[in-house]
Amino acid sequence: MYMTPKSGLLLAGSCITAIAAVGSVFELTSGQPDFGTQNTAIILALSIPLTIIFFLAAVKDTKANIK
């Protein structure tokens, strides 16, 4: 197995931020976001790049541990 605790945490972070992005899209399209339109849009704007960053970092860490 090549996964380390670091890559596992990065992958978990990627999953959490991806869920936040999807939830934000649903909230914004519903018309009445619970946290307000501006806050929900900020969450969406931050979660998309964080998802990509966490995922790529997890893949990079896993590849670095392949022997």
C-alpha atoms as a PDB file:
ATOM      1  CA  MET A   1       0.000   0.000   0.000  1.00  0.00           C
ATOM      2  CA  TYR A   2       1.382   3.392  -0.994  1.00  0.00           C
ATOM      3  CA  MET A   3      -0.935   5.716   0.909  1.00  0.00           C
ATOM      4  CA  THR A   4       0.597   7.535   3.838  1.00  0.00           C
ATOM      5  CA  PRO A   5      -1.284   9.375   6.591  1.00  0.00           C
ATOM      6  CA  LYS A   6      -0.351  12.642   4.872  1.00  0.00           C
ATOM      7  CA  SER A   7      -1.839  11.615   1.533  1.00  0.00           C
ATOM      8  CA  GLY A   8      -4.901  10.241   3.307  1.00  0.00           C
ATOM      9  CA  LEU A   9      -5.501  13.538   5.068  1.00  0.00           C
ATOM     10  CA  LEU A  10      -5.012  15.460   1.835  1.00  0.00           C
ATOM     11  CA  LEU A  11      -7.479  13.182   0.071  1.00  0.00           C
ATOM     12  CA  ALA A  12      -9.981  13.613   2.914  1.00  0.00           C
ATOM     13  CA  GLY A  13      -9.572  17.382   2.633  1.00  0.00           C
ATOM     14  CA  SER A  14     -10.223  17.136  -1.084  1.00  0.00           C
ATOM     15  CA  CYS A  15     -13.423  15.170  -0.468  1.00  0.00           C
ATOM     16  CA  ILE A  16     -14.668  17.622   2.158  1.00  0.00           C
ATOM     17  CA  THR A  17     -14.030  20.663  -0.019  1.00  0.00           C
ATOM     18  CA  ALA A  18     -15.662  18.955  -3.013  1.00  0.00           C
ATOM     19  CA  ILE A  19     -18.763  18.283  -0.911  1.00  0.00           C
ATOM     20  CA  ALA A  20     -18.752  21.938   0.180  1.00  0.00           C
ATOM     21  CA  ALA A  21     -18.590  23.046  -3.459  1.00  0.00           C
ATOM     22  CA  VAL A  22     -21.498  20.837  -4.505  1.00  0.00           C
ATOM     23  CA  GLY A  23     -23.537  21.944  -1.495  1.00  0.00           C
ATOM     24  CA  SER A  24     -22.847  25.580  -2.293  1.00  0.00           C
ATOM     25  CA  VAL A  25     -24.043  25.134  -5.866  1.00  0.00           C
ATOM     26  CA  PHE A  26     -27.286  23.556  -4.631  1.00  0.00           C
ATOM     27  CA  GLU A  27     -27.752  26.329  -2.064  1.00  0.00           C
ATOM     28  CA  LEU A  28     -27.193  29.060  -4.643  1.00  0.00           C
ATOM     29  CA  THR A  29     -29.591  27.502  -7.143  1.00  0.00           C
ATOM     30  CA  SER A  30     -32.302  27.072  -4.508  1.00  0.00           C
ATOM     31  CA  GLY A  31     -32.762  30.839  -4.310  1.00  0.00           C
ATOM     32  CA  GLN A  32     -32.510  31.141  -0.510  1.00  0.00           C
ATOM     33  CA  PRO A  33     -29.034  30.089   0.714  1.00  0.00           C
ATOM     34  CA  ASP A  34     -28.895  29.448   4.479  1.00  0.00           C
ATOM     35  CA  PHE A  35     -25.679  31.462   4.924  1.00  0.00           C
ATOM     36  CA  GLY A  36     -26.667  34.195   2.471  1.00  0.00           C
ATOM     37  CA  THR A  37     -25.742  34.551  -1.157  1.00  0.00           C
ATOM     38  CA  GLN A  38     -22.425  36.302  -0.596  1.00  0.00           C
ATOM     39  CA  ASN A  39     -21.128  33.869   2.040  1.00  0.00           C
ATOM     40  CA  THR A  40     -22.190  30.850  -0.003  1.00  0.00           C
ATOM     41  CA  ALA A  41     -20.496  32.265  -3.098  1.00  0.00           C
ATOM     42  CA  ILE A  42     -17.298  32.807  -1.098  1.00  0.00           C
ATOM     43  CA  ILE A  43     -17.423  29.205   0.147  1.00  0.00           C
ATOM     44  CA  LEU A  44     -17.874  28.024  -3.442  1.00  0.00           C
ATOM     45  CA  ALA A  45     -15.048  30.221  -4.741  1.00  0.00           C
ATOM     46  CA  LEU A  46     -12.648  28.908  -2.087  1.00  0.00           C
ATOM     47  CA  SER A  47     -13.666  25.260  -2.165  1.00  0.00           C
ATOM     48  CA  ILE A  48     -13.124  24.673  -5.891  1.00  0.00           C
ATOM     49  CA  PRO A  49      -9.409  25.548  -5.976  1.00  0.00           C
ATOM     50  CA  LEU A  50      -8.837  23.894  -2.583  1.00  0.00           C
ATOM     51  CA  THR A  51     -10.337  20.657  -3.913  1.00  0.00           C
ATOM     52  CA  ILE A  52      -7.925  20.676  -6.833  1.00  0.00           C
ATOM     53  CA  ILE A  53      -4.926  21.629  -4.683  1.00  0.00           C
ATOM     54  CA  PHE A  54      -5.621  18.952  -2.060  1.00  0.00           C
ATOM     55  CA  PHE A  55      -6.204  16.269  -4.687  1.00  0.00           C
ATOM     56  CA  LEU A  56      -3.044  17.051  -6.633  1.00  0.00           C
ATOM     57  CA  ALA A  57      -1.006  17.187  -3.420  1.00  0.00           C
ATOM     58  CA  ALA A  58      -2.371  13.774  -2.390  1.00  0.00           C
ATOM     59  CA  VAL A  59      -1.472  12.271  -5.762  1.00  0.00           C
ATOM     60  CA  LYS A  60       1.999  13.840  -5.635  1.00  0.00           C
ATOM     61  CA  ASP A  61       2.613  12.485  -2.126  1.00  0.00           C
ATOM     62  CA  THR A  62       1.446   9.020  -3.118  1.00  0.00           C
ATOM     63  CA  LYS A  63       3.652   8.985  -6.199  1.00  0.00           C
ATOM     64  CA  ALA A  64       6.618  10.089  -4.087  1.00  0.00           C
ATOM     65  CA  ASN A  65       6.136   7.060  -1.818  1.00  0.00           C
ATOM     66  CA  ILE A  66       6.071   4.451  -4.595  1.00  0.00           C
ATOM     67  CA  LYS A  67       9.221   2.382  -4.381  1.00  0.00           C
END
